N, C-alpha and C. Protein backbone atom coordinates (compact mmCIF):
# COMPACT_ATOMS: atom_id res chain seq x y z
N UNK A 1 10.54 -84.37 9.81
CA UNK A 1 10.33 -83.46 8.83
C UNK A 1 10.95 -83.83 7.63
N UNK A 2 10.22 -83.77 6.47
CA UNK A 2 10.83 -84.06 5.17
C UNK A 2 11.87 -82.93 4.70
N UNK A 3 12.97 -83.28 4.03
CA UNK A 3 13.82 -82.30 3.56
C UNK A 3 13.30 -81.92 2.08
N UNK A 4 13.92 -80.95 1.46
CA UNK A 4 13.48 -80.53 0.09
C UNK A 4 13.72 -81.75 -0.88
N UNK A 5 14.90 -82.41 -0.73
CA UNK A 5 15.10 -83.44 -1.71
C UNK A 5 14.14 -84.67 -1.36
N UNK A 6 13.77 -85.00 -0.13
CA UNK A 6 12.94 -86.05 -0.06
C UNK A 6 11.54 -85.58 -0.40
N UNK A 7 11.26 -84.37 -0.45
CA UNK A 7 9.84 -84.15 -1.03
C UNK A 7 9.84 -84.16 -2.29
N UNK A 8 10.88 -83.97 -3.08
CA UNK A 8 11.18 -84.04 -4.49
C UNK A 8 10.87 -85.22 -5.09
N UNK A 9 10.95 -86.26 -4.33
CA UNK A 9 10.71 -87.71 -4.97
C UNK A 9 9.15 -87.94 -5.15
N UNK A 10 8.42 -87.20 -4.47
CA UNK A 10 6.82 -87.39 -4.85
C UNK A 10 6.54 -86.68 -5.95
N UNK A 11 5.62 -87.27 -6.73
CA UNK A 11 5.00 -86.80 -8.02
C UNK A 11 3.60 -86.33 -7.70
N UNK A 12 3.18 -85.10 -7.68
CA UNK A 12 1.96 -84.72 -7.52
C UNK A 12 1.11 -84.74 -8.88
N UNK A 13 -0.08 -85.18 -9.00
CA UNK A 13 -0.81 -85.21 -10.03
C UNK A 13 -0.81 -83.77 -10.74
N UNK A 14 -0.56 -83.62 -11.99
CA UNK A 14 -0.60 -82.56 -12.64
C UNK A 14 0.33 -81.39 -12.21
N UNK A 15 1.38 -81.69 -11.42
CA UNK A 15 2.31 -80.66 -11.10
C UNK A 15 3.70 -81.41 -10.84
N UNK A 16 4.60 -80.95 -11.70
CA UNK A 16 5.95 -81.66 -11.55
C UNK A 16 6.77 -80.93 -10.55
N UNK A 17 6.70 -81.53 -9.46
CA UNK A 17 7.26 -80.82 -8.15
C UNK A 17 8.83 -81.02 -8.32
N UNK A 18 9.10 -82.25 -8.95
CA UNK A 18 10.63 -82.48 -9.16
C UNK A 18 11.28 -81.39 -9.95
N UNK A 19 10.64 -81.06 -11.10
CA UNK A 19 11.15 -80.00 -11.95
C UNK A 19 11.31 -78.67 -11.24
N UNK A 20 10.45 -78.46 -10.29
CA UNK A 20 10.52 -77.14 -9.53
C UNK A 20 11.77 -77.14 -8.57
N UNK A 21 11.75 -78.16 -7.84
CA UNK A 21 12.79 -78.40 -6.83
C UNK A 21 14.22 -78.57 -7.65
N UNK A 22 14.26 -79.09 -8.93
CA UNK A 22 15.72 -79.01 -9.67
C UNK A 22 15.85 -77.59 -10.04
N UNK A 23 14.79 -77.01 -10.43
CA UNK A 23 15.07 -75.62 -11.04
C UNK A 23 15.54 -74.79 -9.89
N UNK A 24 15.10 -74.82 -8.66
CA UNK A 24 15.54 -74.10 -7.43
C UNK A 24 16.91 -74.54 -6.99
N UNK A 25 17.25 -75.96 -7.32
CA UNK A 25 18.52 -76.23 -6.72
C UNK A 25 19.52 -76.36 -8.05
N UNK A 26 19.31 -75.51 -8.99
CA UNK A 26 20.29 -75.61 -10.11
C UNK A 26 20.33 -76.82 -10.92
N UNK A 27 19.44 -77.76 -10.72
CA UNK A 27 19.48 -78.92 -11.57
C UNK A 27 19.14 -78.68 -12.98
N UNK A 28 18.55 -77.71 -13.22
CA UNK A 28 18.24 -77.51 -14.60
C UNK A 28 19.15 -76.49 -15.21
N UNK A 29 20.36 -76.30 -14.52
CA UNK A 29 21.36 -75.33 -15.15
C UNK A 29 20.82 -74.01 -15.12
N UNK A 30 20.11 -73.75 -14.12
CA UNK A 30 19.64 -72.39 -14.05
C UNK A 30 20.70 -71.23 -14.41
N UNK A 31 22.01 -71.37 -14.03
CA UNK A 31 23.01 -70.52 -14.10
C UNK A 31 23.15 -70.18 -15.75
N UNK A 32 22.92 -71.27 -16.41
CA UNK A 32 23.05 -70.95 -18.00
C UNK A 32 21.94 -70.44 -18.60
N UNK A 33 20.74 -70.47 -17.95
CA UNK A 33 19.50 -69.87 -18.58
C UNK A 33 19.51 -68.39 -18.49
N UNK A 34 18.95 -67.95 -19.54
CA UNK A 34 19.04 -66.39 -19.49
C UNK A 34 17.73 -65.89 -18.58
N UNK A 35 17.73 -64.86 -18.06
CA UNK A 35 16.83 -64.37 -17.05
C UNK A 35 15.37 -64.60 -17.52
N UNK A 36 15.03 -64.25 -18.83
CA UNK A 36 13.72 -64.45 -19.32
C UNK A 36 13.23 -65.76 -19.52
N UNK A 37 14.09 -66.67 -19.85
CA UNK A 37 13.72 -68.17 -19.79
C UNK A 37 13.56 -68.65 -18.38
N UNK A 38 14.43 -68.27 -17.45
CA UNK A 38 14.11 -68.70 -16.05
C UNK A 38 12.87 -68.29 -15.60
N UNK A 39 12.49 -66.84 -15.76
CA UNK A 39 11.28 -66.41 -15.15
C UNK A 39 9.99 -66.94 -15.81
N UNK A 40 10.31 -67.42 -17.03
CA UNK A 40 9.11 -68.12 -17.83
C UNK A 40 8.96 -69.38 -17.30
N UNK A 41 9.93 -70.10 -16.93
CA UNK A 41 9.84 -71.64 -16.41
C UNK A 41 9.12 -71.56 -15.00
N UNK A 42 9.65 -70.41 -14.13
CA UNK A 42 9.06 -70.27 -12.88
C UNK A 42 7.55 -69.98 -13.01
N UNK A 43 7.15 -69.17 -13.95
CA UNK A 43 5.75 -68.77 -14.30
C UNK A 43 4.92 -70.06 -14.61
N UNK A 44 5.54 -70.88 -15.50
CA UNK A 44 4.84 -72.19 -15.90
C UNK A 44 4.65 -73.20 -14.66
N UNK A 45 5.82 -73.31 -14.07
CA UNK A 45 5.64 -74.19 -12.89
C UNK A 45 4.69 -73.89 -11.74
N UNK A 46 4.77 -72.46 -11.65
CA UNK A 46 3.86 -71.98 -10.60
C UNK A 46 2.37 -72.21 -10.88
N UNK A 47 2.06 -71.99 -12.19
CA UNK A 47 0.69 -72.02 -12.74
C UNK A 47 0.20 -73.56 -12.76
N UNK A 48 1.20 -74.43 -12.46
CA UNK A 48 0.64 -75.93 -12.42
C UNK A 48 0.80 -76.37 -10.97
N UNK A 49 1.16 -75.43 -10.07
CA UNK A 49 1.19 -75.82 -8.56
C UNK A 49 -0.24 -76.17 -8.07
N UNK A 50 -0.27 -77.01 -7.09
CA UNK A 50 -1.61 -77.42 -6.51
C UNK A 50 -2.40 -76.25 -6.00
N UNK A 51 -1.73 -75.31 -5.19
CA UNK A 51 -2.28 -74.27 -4.58
C UNK A 51 -3.02 -73.23 -5.65
N UNK A 52 -2.15 -72.97 -6.53
CA UNK A 52 -2.55 -71.96 -7.66
C UNK A 52 -3.64 -72.57 -8.41
N UNK A 53 -3.61 -73.89 -8.66
CA UNK A 53 -4.69 -74.64 -9.33
C UNK A 53 -5.95 -74.67 -8.55
N UNK A 54 -5.89 -74.89 -7.31
CA UNK A 54 -6.96 -74.75 -6.37
C UNK A 54 -7.75 -73.59 -6.26
N UNK A 55 -7.06 -72.42 -6.51
CA UNK A 55 -7.62 -70.96 -6.47
C UNK A 55 -7.98 -70.59 -7.84
N UNK A 56 -7.30 -71.34 -8.85
CA UNK A 56 -7.45 -71.01 -10.33
C UNK A 56 -6.71 -69.70 -10.50
N UNK A 57 -5.55 -69.29 -9.69
CA UNK A 57 -4.65 -68.28 -10.01
C UNK A 57 -3.84 -68.61 -11.26
N UNK A 58 -3.69 -67.53 -12.00
CA UNK A 58 -2.58 -67.71 -13.12
C UNK A 58 -1.74 -66.53 -12.93
N UNK A 59 -0.36 -66.91 -12.94
CA UNK A 59 0.63 -65.85 -13.17
C UNK A 59 0.68 -65.39 -14.60
N UNK A 60 0.52 -64.17 -14.76
CA UNK A 60 0.39 -63.69 -16.23
C UNK A 60 1.77 -63.01 -16.60
N UNK A 61 2.38 -62.47 -15.60
CA UNK A 61 3.72 -61.86 -15.87
C UNK A 61 4.56 -61.80 -14.76
N UNK A 62 5.83 -62.03 -14.94
CA UNK A 62 6.94 -61.89 -13.86
C UNK A 62 8.08 -61.20 -14.56
N UNK A 63 8.46 -60.13 -13.84
CA UNK A 63 9.60 -59.32 -14.30
C UNK A 63 10.48 -59.18 -12.99
N UNK A 64 11.71 -58.52 -13.12
CA UNK A 64 12.45 -58.26 -11.91
C UNK A 64 11.74 -57.21 -11.08
N UNK A 65 11.22 -57.66 -9.85
CA UNK A 65 10.64 -56.79 -9.00
C UNK A 65 9.20 -56.48 -9.30
N UNK A 66 8.63 -57.17 -10.29
CA UNK A 66 7.13 -56.91 -10.56
C UNK A 66 6.50 -58.22 -10.95
N UNK A 67 5.14 -58.11 -10.84
CA UNK A 67 4.34 -59.37 -11.32
C UNK A 67 2.73 -58.95 -11.32
N UNK A 68 2.13 -59.85 -12.28
CA UNK A 68 0.77 -59.54 -12.33
C UNK A 68 0.14 -61.12 -12.36
N UNK A 69 -0.82 -61.43 -11.43
CA UNK A 69 -1.52 -62.46 -11.23
C UNK A 69 -3.04 -62.30 -11.31
N UNK A 70 -3.74 -63.27 -11.91
CA UNK A 70 -5.19 -63.09 -12.11
C UNK A 70 -5.89 -64.24 -11.39
N UNK A 71 -7.11 -64.16 -10.87
CA UNK A 71 -7.87 -65.18 -10.21
C UNK A 71 -9.32 -64.86 -10.49
N UNK A 72 -10.07 -65.90 -11.11
CA UNK A 72 -11.49 -65.66 -11.41
C UNK A 72 -12.35 -65.92 -10.19
N UNK A 73 -13.35 -65.12 -10.08
CA UNK A 73 -14.46 -65.46 -9.07
C UNK A 73 -15.15 -66.75 -9.21
N UNK A 74 -15.11 -67.45 -8.18
CA UNK A 74 -15.78 -68.80 -8.31
C UNK A 74 -16.61 -69.00 -6.98
N UNK A 75 -17.86 -69.54 -7.12
CA UNK A 75 -18.63 -69.78 -5.95
C UNK A 75 -17.84 -70.56 -4.74
N UNK A 76 -16.84 -71.47 -5.09
CA UNK A 76 -16.02 -72.11 -4.13
C UNK A 76 -15.34 -71.10 -3.19
N UNK A 77 -15.13 -70.00 -3.61
CA UNK A 77 -14.17 -69.07 -2.94
C UNK A 77 -15.09 -68.03 -1.98
N UNK A 78 -16.28 -68.35 -2.02
CA UNK A 78 -17.19 -67.27 -1.29
C UNK A 78 -17.63 -67.74 0.16
N UNK A 79 -17.77 -66.82 1.11
CA UNK A 79 -18.29 -67.13 2.36
C UNK A 79 -19.81 -67.19 2.17
N UNK A 80 -20.64 -67.42 3.46
CA UNK A 80 -22.00 -67.47 3.32
C UNK A 80 -22.67 -66.13 2.59
N UNK A 81 -22.11 -65.01 2.58
CA UNK A 81 -22.80 -63.77 1.96
C UNK A 81 -22.67 -63.71 0.47
N UNK A 82 -21.99 -64.69 -0.06
CA UNK A 82 -21.97 -64.82 -1.57
C UNK A 82 -20.73 -63.97 -2.06
N UNK A 83 -19.77 -63.42 -1.26
CA UNK A 83 -18.72 -62.75 -1.90
C UNK A 83 -17.54 -63.50 -1.58
N UNK A 84 -16.52 -63.11 -2.48
CA UNK A 84 -15.23 -63.82 -2.18
C UNK A 84 -14.62 -63.57 -0.84
N UNK A 85 -14.12 -64.63 -0.13
CA UNK A 85 -13.63 -64.62 1.17
C UNK A 85 -12.21 -63.82 1.08
N UNK A 86 -12.01 -63.14 2.04
CA UNK A 86 -10.73 -62.06 2.14
C UNK A 86 -9.55 -63.18 2.16
N UNK A 87 -9.62 -64.31 2.60
CA UNK A 87 -8.33 -65.21 2.62
C UNK A 87 -7.93 -65.51 1.19
N UNK A 88 -8.95 -65.54 0.37
CA UNK A 88 -8.70 -65.84 -1.14
C UNK A 88 -7.96 -64.72 -1.78
N UNK A 89 -8.42 -63.56 -1.43
CA UNK A 89 -7.60 -62.24 -2.01
C UNK A 89 -6.42 -62.08 -1.54
N UNK A 90 -6.20 -62.39 -0.28
CA UNK A 90 -4.94 -62.23 0.50
C UNK A 90 -3.97 -63.41 -0.21
N UNK A 91 -4.43 -64.53 -0.51
CA UNK A 91 -3.55 -65.48 -1.26
C UNK A 91 -3.10 -65.04 -2.62
N UNK A 92 -3.94 -64.25 -3.29
CA UNK A 92 -3.82 -63.91 -4.59
C UNK A 92 -2.67 -62.75 -4.30
N UNK A 93 -2.75 -61.81 -3.48
CA UNK A 93 -1.76 -60.67 -3.23
C UNK A 93 -0.48 -61.24 -2.68
N UNK A 94 -0.42 -62.30 -1.86
CA UNK A 94 0.66 -62.71 -1.26
C UNK A 94 1.60 -63.52 -2.45
N UNK A 95 0.94 -64.17 -3.27
CA UNK A 95 1.41 -64.84 -4.33
C UNK A 95 2.10 -63.96 -5.35
N UNK A 96 1.47 -62.84 -5.42
CA UNK A 96 2.01 -61.76 -6.46
C UNK A 96 3.41 -61.14 -5.79
N UNK A 97 3.44 -61.06 -4.74
CA UNK A 97 4.60 -60.48 -4.12
C UNK A 97 5.81 -61.59 -4.31
N UNK A 98 5.41 -62.72 -4.02
CA UNK A 98 6.58 -63.83 -4.13
C UNK A 98 6.94 -63.83 -5.67
N UNK A 99 6.28 -63.62 -6.51
CA UNK A 99 6.50 -63.89 -7.95
C UNK A 99 7.25 -62.48 -8.30
N UNK A 100 7.19 -61.31 -7.80
CA UNK A 100 7.95 -60.05 -8.07
C UNK A 100 9.15 -60.27 -7.44
N UNK A 101 9.36 -60.94 -6.32
CA UNK A 101 10.53 -61.06 -5.63
C UNK A 101 11.45 -62.16 -6.25
N UNK A 102 10.80 -63.28 -6.79
CA UNK A 102 11.79 -64.19 -7.40
C UNK A 102 12.54 -63.58 -8.38
N UNK A 103 12.11 -62.67 -9.08
CA UNK A 103 12.98 -62.08 -10.23
C UNK A 103 14.31 -61.42 -9.72
N UNK A 104 14.29 -61.08 -8.34
CA UNK A 104 15.28 -60.27 -7.91
C UNK A 104 16.29 -61.06 -6.80
N UNK A 105 16.00 -62.40 -6.46
CA UNK A 105 16.79 -63.18 -5.81
C UNK A 105 17.43 -64.24 -6.61
N UNK A 106 18.41 -64.89 -6.06
CA UNK A 106 19.10 -66.01 -6.72
C UNK A 106 18.19 -67.15 -6.73
N UNK A 107 18.26 -67.96 -7.81
CA UNK A 107 17.44 -69.19 -7.88
C UNK A 107 17.37 -70.13 -6.61
N UNK A 108 18.49 -70.07 -5.92
CA UNK A 108 18.76 -70.96 -4.85
C UNK A 108 18.07 -70.42 -3.45
N UNK A 109 17.90 -69.18 -3.45
CA UNK A 109 17.53 -68.52 -2.25
C UNK A 109 16.13 -68.89 -1.97
N UNK A 110 15.62 -68.88 -0.69
CA UNK A 110 14.35 -69.22 -0.37
C UNK A 110 13.67 -68.02 0.18
N UNK A 111 12.38 -67.64 -0.15
CA UNK A 111 11.72 -66.62 0.35
C UNK A 111 10.41 -66.98 1.16
N UNK A 112 10.12 -66.16 2.12
CA UNK A 112 8.76 -66.50 2.93
C UNK A 112 8.22 -65.28 3.42
N UNK A 113 6.93 -65.23 3.50
CA UNK A 113 6.36 -64.13 4.02
C UNK A 113 6.55 -64.06 5.61
N UNK A 114 6.98 -62.85 6.22
CA UNK A 114 7.04 -62.72 7.62
C UNK A 114 6.19 -61.66 8.10
N UNK A 115 5.54 -60.79 7.25
CA UNK A 115 4.58 -59.94 7.77
C UNK A 115 3.75 -59.51 6.59
N UNK A 116 2.28 -59.34 6.90
CA UNK A 116 1.38 -58.97 5.84
C UNK A 116 0.19 -58.19 6.32
N UNK A 117 0.02 -57.07 5.59
CA UNK A 117 -1.19 -56.19 6.02
C UNK A 117 -1.99 -56.07 4.75
N UNK A 118 -3.27 -56.14 5.02
CA UNK A 118 -4.18 -56.00 3.69
C UNK A 118 -5.36 -55.20 4.32
N UNK A 119 -5.81 -54.18 3.31
CA UNK A 119 -6.90 -53.29 3.61
C UNK A 119 -7.98 -53.73 2.39
N UNK A 120 -9.13 -54.04 2.77
CA UNK A 120 -10.09 -54.32 1.83
C UNK A 120 -11.09 -53.10 1.38
N UNK A 121 -11.54 -52.86 0.37
CA UNK A 121 -12.22 -51.65 -0.02
C UNK A 121 -13.50 -51.90 -0.70
N UNK A 122 -13.80 -53.01 -1.16
CA UNK A 122 -14.96 -53.24 -1.88
C UNK A 122 -15.10 -54.94 -1.96
N UNK A 123 -16.19 -55.29 -1.92
CA UNK A 123 -16.55 -56.84 -2.15
C UNK A 123 -16.67 -57.26 -3.64
N UNK A 124 -16.45 -58.59 -3.72
CA UNK A 124 -16.40 -59.11 -5.08
C UNK A 124 -17.39 -60.39 -5.23
N UNK A 125 -18.34 -60.22 -6.14
CA UNK A 125 -19.39 -61.31 -6.36
C UNK A 125 -19.46 -61.82 -7.79
N UNK A 126 -18.34 -61.33 -8.58
CA UNK A 126 -18.27 -61.84 -10.09
C UNK A 126 -16.96 -61.29 -10.54
N UNK A 127 -16.64 -61.86 -11.66
CA UNK A 127 -15.54 -61.27 -12.48
C UNK A 127 -14.12 -61.83 -11.99
N UNK A 128 -13.06 -61.26 -12.64
CA UNK A 128 -11.75 -61.61 -12.29
C UNK A 128 -11.09 -60.48 -11.39
N UNK A 129 -10.18 -61.08 -10.62
CA UNK A 129 -9.32 -60.18 -9.62
C UNK A 129 -7.95 -60.24 -10.41
N UNK A 130 -7.30 -58.99 -10.35
CA UNK A 130 -5.85 -58.86 -10.79
C UNK A 130 -5.13 -58.21 -9.76
N UNK A 131 -3.96 -59.00 -9.40
CA UNK A 131 -2.99 -58.24 -8.30
C UNK A 131 -1.85 -57.98 -9.02
N UNK A 132 -1.40 -56.72 -8.88
CA UNK A 132 -0.16 -56.21 -9.51
C UNK A 132 0.71 -55.83 -8.45
N UNK A 133 1.68 -56.56 -8.31
CA UNK A 133 2.74 -56.31 -7.14
C UNK A 133 4.04 -55.72 -7.66
N UNK A 134 4.69 -54.81 -6.88
CA UNK A 134 5.98 -54.52 -7.02
C UNK A 134 6.76 -54.49 -5.80
N UNK A 135 8.05 -54.70 -6.00
CA UNK A 135 9.01 -54.71 -4.68
C UNK A 135 9.54 -53.45 -4.38
N UNK A 136 9.19 -52.87 -3.43
CA UNK A 136 9.38 -51.42 -3.00
C UNK A 136 10.76 -51.36 -2.22
N UNK A 137 11.36 -52.31 -1.71
CA UNK A 137 12.51 -52.47 -0.93
C UNK A 137 13.05 -53.75 -0.97
N UNK A 138 14.33 -53.95 -1.22
CA UNK A 138 15.03 -55.20 -1.18
C UNK A 138 16.40 -55.11 -0.62
N UNK A 139 16.60 -55.73 0.63
CA UNK A 139 17.85 -55.78 1.29
C UNK A 139 18.39 -57.23 1.08
N UNK A 140 19.48 -57.53 1.79
CA UNK A 140 20.14 -58.94 1.81
C UNK A 140 19.21 -59.87 2.70
N UNK A 141 18.39 -59.47 3.51
CA UNK A 141 17.64 -60.53 4.18
C UNK A 141 16.20 -60.38 4.28
N UNK A 142 15.79 -59.17 3.79
CA UNK A 142 14.26 -58.92 3.65
C UNK A 142 13.87 -58.05 2.49
N UNK A 143 12.62 -58.05 2.17
CA UNK A 143 12.08 -57.26 1.02
C UNK A 143 10.77 -56.95 1.42
N UNK A 144 10.08 -55.87 0.80
CA UNK A 144 8.97 -55.45 0.98
C UNK A 144 8.27 -55.20 -0.29
N UNK A 145 7.03 -55.79 -0.36
CA UNK A 145 6.29 -55.72 -1.57
C UNK A 145 4.91 -54.96 -1.33
N UNK A 146 4.62 -54.14 -2.47
CA UNK A 146 3.23 -53.42 -2.41
C UNK A 146 2.48 -53.96 -3.44
N UNK A 147 1.19 -54.23 -3.16
CA UNK A 147 0.21 -54.94 -4.09
C UNK A 147 -1.12 -54.07 -4.16
N UNK A 148 -1.52 -53.99 -5.37
CA UNK A 148 -2.82 -53.56 -5.59
C UNK A 148 -3.75 -54.57 -6.23
N UNK A 149 -4.83 -55.18 -5.63
CA UNK A 149 -5.74 -55.90 -6.20
C UNK A 149 -6.97 -55.35 -6.77
N UNK A 150 -7.28 -55.33 -8.09
CA UNK A 150 -8.46 -54.63 -8.69
C UNK A 150 -9.34 -55.54 -9.28
N UNK A 151 -10.65 -55.15 -9.60
CA UNK A 151 -11.62 -55.91 -10.28
C UNK A 151 -11.45 -55.57 -11.82
N UNK A 152 -12.23 -56.40 -12.55
CA UNK A 152 -12.22 -56.25 -14.01
C UNK A 152 -12.52 -54.62 -14.56
N UNK A 153 -13.19 -53.81 -13.74
CA UNK A 153 -13.43 -52.40 -14.16
C UNK A 153 -12.21 -51.66 -13.59
N UNK A 154 -11.11 -52.08 -13.01
CA UNK A 154 -10.09 -51.39 -12.56
C UNK A 154 -10.16 -50.85 -11.11
N UNK A 155 -11.27 -51.15 -10.46
CA UNK A 155 -11.68 -50.57 -9.17
C UNK A 155 -10.67 -51.27 -8.16
N UNK A 156 -10.09 -50.46 -7.19
CA UNK A 156 -9.37 -50.94 -6.28
C UNK A 156 -10.19 -51.86 -5.11
N UNK A 157 -9.73 -53.01 -5.24
CA UNK A 157 -10.38 -54.02 -4.15
C UNK A 157 -9.80 -54.22 -2.90
N UNK A 158 -8.33 -54.26 -2.87
CA UNK A 158 -7.59 -54.42 -1.70
C UNK A 158 -6.11 -53.81 -2.11
N UNK A 159 -5.46 -53.37 -0.99
CA UNK A 159 -4.08 -52.91 -0.81
C UNK A 159 -3.32 -53.64 0.14
N UNK A 160 -2.21 -54.06 -0.30
CA UNK A 160 -1.46 -54.84 0.63
C UNK A 160 -0.04 -54.42 0.58
N UNK A 161 0.70 -54.59 1.81
CA UNK A 161 2.06 -54.46 2.00
C UNK A 161 2.51 -55.72 2.55
N UNK A 162 3.46 -56.39 2.16
CA UNK A 162 3.96 -57.66 2.67
C UNK A 162 5.49 -57.64 2.77
N UNK A 163 6.05 -58.20 3.93
CA UNK A 163 7.54 -58.36 3.94
C UNK A 163 7.85 -59.69 3.91
N UNK A 164 8.98 -59.91 3.27
CA UNK A 164 9.30 -61.23 2.93
C UNK A 164 10.82 -61.39 3.50
N UNK A 165 11.14 -62.56 4.03
CA UNK A 165 12.44 -63.03 4.47
C UNK A 165 13.23 -63.66 3.38
N UNK A 166 14.29 -63.29 3.10
CA UNK A 166 15.13 -63.85 2.04
C UNK A 166 16.28 -64.70 2.72
N UNK A 167 16.37 -66.02 2.47
CA UNK A 167 17.28 -66.89 3.06
C UNK A 167 18.18 -67.29 1.93
N UNK A 168 19.47 -66.87 2.03
CA UNK A 168 20.27 -67.29 0.88
C UNK A 168 20.94 -68.66 1.12
N UNK A 169 21.55 -69.28 0.27
CA UNK A 169 22.25 -70.53 0.27
C UNK A 169 23.13 -70.67 1.37
N UNK A 170 23.79 -69.56 1.74
CA UNK A 170 24.80 -69.50 2.86
C UNK A 170 24.08 -69.91 4.05
N UNK A 171 22.88 -69.41 4.23
CA UNK A 171 22.19 -69.48 5.52
C UNK A 171 21.23 -70.70 5.54
N UNK A 172 21.33 -71.58 4.40
CA UNK A 172 20.55 -72.92 4.36
C UNK A 172 20.47 -73.74 5.52
N UNK A 173 21.38 -73.75 6.34
CA UNK A 173 21.45 -74.76 7.43
C UNK A 173 20.28 -74.53 8.39
N UNK A 174 19.86 -73.12 8.51
CA UNK A 174 18.73 -72.75 9.49
C UNK A 174 17.24 -73.05 8.84
N UNK A 175 17.29 -73.44 7.60
CA UNK A 175 15.98 -73.62 7.06
C UNK A 175 15.39 -74.98 7.59
N UNK A 176 14.20 -75.01 8.24
CA UNK A 176 13.50 -76.17 8.75
C UNK A 176 14.59 -76.84 9.72
């Protein structure tokens, strides 16, 4: 299995993975960055990541405990009935929780989804989806995020509750 430092040597087309790893490992002097500059850099790097680009997700806003991400409807995201697949909507919601939580943890901490529940209310066959996430609980080892995904008209498409594990640098030995 590759370590984070080994992975960092690879350069992916259109995505500077090295910068993101350095940012997370304090290589870009995160401690001296003000919070706004740090969150802006996270937003920029996330928007260039392969998975976000695949789904055409765009992080519009990251604040401490809150985020907004959009994703446009595309035929490539539909299932045979011509509506957006629930997995694409779930990816949008999960990403929104991650972005909201990033503003509340140390840059060196690692976060990962450990539980995820989604309710779908309506189908999507056009327009943009917007996920608005907020962290409703944050402890030292876990956090819970609440997400509402809506369409362009503001109609609720899905509601999500996601639980994340927070692994601090002190616990780093147990990662992978």
